[in-house]
C-alpha atoms as a PDB file:
ATOM      1  CA  MET A   1     -13.549  -3.816  -3.805  1.00  0.00           C
ATOM      2  CA  TYR A   2     -16.360  -2.120  -1.673  1.00  0.00           C
ATOM      3  CA  LYS A   3     -18.834  -2.640  -4.540  1.00  0.00           C
ATOM      4  CA  PHE A   4     -17.816  -6.267  -4.959  1.00  0.00           C
ATOM      5  CA  VAL A   5     -18.396  -7.081  -1.352  1.00  0.00           C
ATOM      6  CA  LEU A   6     -21.723  -5.223  -1.353  1.00  0.00           C
ATOM      7  CA  GLU A   7     -22.957  -6.957  -4.443  1.00  0.00           C
ATOM      8  CA  ASN A   8     -21.578 -10.548  -3.564  1.00  0.00           C
ATOM      9  CA  GLU A   9     -24.041 -12.602  -1.287  1.00  0.00           C
ATOM     10  CA  ARG A  10     -21.178 -14.785  -0.160  1.00  0.00           C
ATOM     11  CA  ALA A  11     -19.166 -11.783   1.167  1.00  0.00           C
ATOM     12  CA  ASN A  12     -20.674 -11.898   4.641  1.00  0.00           C
ATOM     13  CA  THR A  13     -17.609 -11.205   6.788  1.00  0.00           C
ATOM     14  CA  VAL A  14     -14.789  -8.678   7.271  1.00  0.00           C
ATOM     15  CA  TYR A  15     -12.170  -8.081   4.531  1.00  0.00           C
ATOM     16  CA  ASN A  16      -8.855  -6.223   4.582  1.00  0.00           C
ATOM     17  CA  HIS A  17      -9.007  -3.556   1.924  1.00  0.00           C
ATOM     18  CA  CYS A  18      -5.435  -3.906   0.754  1.00  0.00           C
ATOM     19  CA  ALA A  19      -3.286  -4.490  -2.293  1.00  0.00           C
ATOM     20  CA  PRO A  20      -2.561  -7.982  -3.527  1.00  0.00           C
ATOM     21  CA  ALA A  21       1.092  -7.307  -3.206  1.00  0.00           C
ATOM     22  CA  PRO A  22       1.653  -4.809  -0.341  1.00  0.00           C
ATOM     23  CA  VAL A  23       4.798  -2.634  -0.408  1.00  0.00           C
ATOM     24  CA  THR A  24       6.742  -0.605   2.077  1.00  0.00           C
ATOM     25  CA  ASN A  25       6.724   3.180   2.221  1.00  0.00           C
ATOM     26  CA  SER A  26      10.283   3.065   0.883  1.00  0.00           C
ATOM     27  CA  GLN A  27       9.218   0.897  -1.957  1.00  0.00           C
ATOM     28  CA  LEU A  28       6.298   3.199  -2.741  1.00  0.00           C
ATOM     29  CA  THR A  29       8.496   6.319  -2.665  1.00  0.00           C
ATOM     30  CA  ARG A  30      11.064   4.787  -4.844  1.00  0.00           C
ATOM     31  CA  GLY A  31       8.503   3.601  -7.290  1.00  0.00           C
ATOM     32  CA  VAL A  32       6.837   6.988  -7.673  1.00  0.00           C
ATOM     33  CA  ALA A  33      10.144   8.615  -8.094  1.00  0.00           C
ATOM     34  CA  GLY A  34      11.025   6.018 -10.891  1.00  0.00           C
ATOM     35  CA  VAL A  35       7.746   6.419 -12.707  1.00  0.00           C
ATOM     36  CA  LEU A  36       8.080  10.179 -12.637  1.00  0.00           C
ATOM     37  CA  HIS A  37      11.774   9.960 -13.647  1.00  0.00           C
ATOM     38  CA  ARG A  38      12.558  12.226 -10.668  1.00  0.00           C
ATOM     39  CA  PRO A  39      15.671  11.896  -8.406  1.00  0.00           C
ATOM     40  CA  LEU A  40      14.939  10.581  -4.986  1.00  0.00           C
ATOM     41  CA  TRP A  41      16.844  13.003  -2.788  1.00  0.00           C
ATOM     42  CA  LEU A  42      15.104  12.639   0.598  1.00  0.00           C
ATOM     43  CA  PRO A  43      17.332  10.932   3.071  1.00  0.00           C
ATOM     44  CA  ALA A  44      16.142   8.063   5.164  1.00  0.00           C
ATOM     45  CA  ILE A  45      15.516   9.322   8.741  1.00  0.00           C
ATOM     46  CA  PRO A  46      16.658   6.907  11.474  1.00  0.00           C
ATOM     47  CA  ALA A  47      14.000   5.576  13.769  1.00  0.00           C
ATOM     48  CA  PHE A  48      15.771   6.826  16.867  1.00  0.00           C
ATOM     49  CA  ALA A  49      15.597  10.371  15.390  1.00  0.00           C
ATOM     50  CA  LEU A  50      11.871  10.069  14.895  1.00  0.00           C
ATOM     51  CA  ARG A  51      11.547   8.771  18.540  1.00  0.00           C
ATOM     52  CA  ILE A  52      13.243  11.906  19.691  1.00  0.00           C
ATOM     53  CA  LEU A  53      11.272  14.319  17.373  1.00  0.00           C
ATOM     54  CA  LEU A  54       7.965  12.727  17.530  1.00  0.00           C
ATOM     55  CA  GLY A  55       7.703  10.905  20.879  1.00  0.00           C
ATOM     56  CA  GLU A  56       4.631   8.651  20.824  1.00  0.00           C
ATOM     57  CA  MET A  57       3.444   9.947  17.572  1.00  0.00           C
ATOM     58  CA  ARG A  58       6.397   8.037  15.924  1.00  0.00           C
ATOM     59  CA  ALA A  59       4.200   4.856  15.882  1.00  0.00           C
ATOM     60  CA  VAL A  60       2.138   6.463  13.083  1.00  0.00           C
ATOM     61  CA  LEU A  61       5.246   6.429  10.832  1.00  0.00           C
ATOM     62  CA  LEU A  62       7.156   3.369  12.223  1.00  0.00           C
ATOM     63  CA  SER A  63       4.405   0.716  12.794  1.00  0.00           C
ATOM     64  CA  SER A  64       3.023  -1.530  10.210  1.00  0.00           C
ATOM     65  CA  THR A  65       0.471  -4.258   9.898  1.00  0.00           C
ATOM     66  CA  LYS A  66       0.551  -7.618   7.996  1.00  0.00           C
ATOM     67  CA  THR A  67      -2.548  -7.805   5.884  1.00  0.00           C
ATOM     68  CA  SER A  68      -3.567 -10.052   3.027  1.00  0.00           C
ATOM     69  CA  ALA A  69      -6.067  -9.794   0.193  1.00  0.00           C
ATOM     70  CA  ASP A  70      -6.290 -13.620  -0.044  1.00  0.00           C
ATOM     71  CA  LYS A  71      -9.790 -13.783   1.453  1.00  0.00           C
ATOM     72  CA  ILE A  72     -11.367 -11.443  -1.053  1.00  0.00           C
ATOM     73  CA  MET A  73      -9.476 -12.974  -4.007  1.00  0.00           C
ATOM     74  CA  ASP A  74     -10.712 -16.452  -2.923  1.00  0.00           C
ATOM     75  CA  LEU A  75     -14.371 -14.975  -3.535  1.00  0.00           C
ATOM     76  CA  GLY A  76     -13.302 -14.092  -7.039  1.00  0.00           C
ATOM     77  CA  PHE A  77     -12.343 -10.471  -6.755  1.00  0.00           C
ATOM     78  CA  GLN A  78      -9.727  -9.457  -9.249  1.00  0.00           C
ATOM     79  CA  PHE A  79      -7.504  -6.432  -8.968  1.00  0.00           C
ATOM     80  CA  GLN A  80      -7.046  -4.213 -11.932  1.00  0.00           C
ATOM     81  CA  PHE A  81      -3.251  -4.017 -11.166  1.00  0.00           C
ATOM     82  CA  ASN A  82      -1.441  -6.778  -9.401  1.00  0.00           C
ATOM     83  CA  ASN A  83       1.912  -4.739  -8.839  1.00  0.00           C
ATOM     84  CA  LEU A  84       2.932  -1.346  -7.934  1.00  0.00           C
ATOM     85  CA  GLN A  85       4.733  -0.536 -11.142  1.00  0.00           C
ATOM     86  CA  ASP A  86       1.522  -1.118 -13.265  1.00  0.00           C
ATOM     87  CA  ALA A  87      -0.511   0.897 -10.875  1.00  0.00           C
ATOM     88  CA  LEU A  88       1.773   3.849 -10.732  1.00  0.00           C
ATOM     89  CA  THR A  89       2.239   3.843 -14.469  1.00  0.00           C
ATOM     90  CA  ASP A  90      -1.509   4.003 -14.963  1.00  0.00           C
ATOM     91  CA  ILE A  91      -1.958   6.805 -12.325  1.00  0.00           C
ATOM     92  CA  TYR A  92       0.867   8.909 -13.762  1.00  0.00           C
ATOM     93  CA  GLY A  93       0.616   8.091 -17.432  1.00  0.00           C
ATOM     94  CA  GLN A  94       4.299   7.568 -17.904  1.00  0.00           C
END
């Protein structure tokens, strides 16, 4: 994506460097476990427990942003993988 922006004369603004179909941390964790055929044994930690344990640092784990790749895709950028499953399968070769 960086190379595409640098080489495209029409790309003269700011772009979100994000996936075409963003996923939550939970979806990513479950996806990796599934592709690796491994059990997912880590329990979900409640937000209130993170508040107690981490204080203000909890924002790093609990906050999120809504981003979109629409603007870069409108310029003609094409992702190699359009979904999490295909990308993880390529990474882990399963």
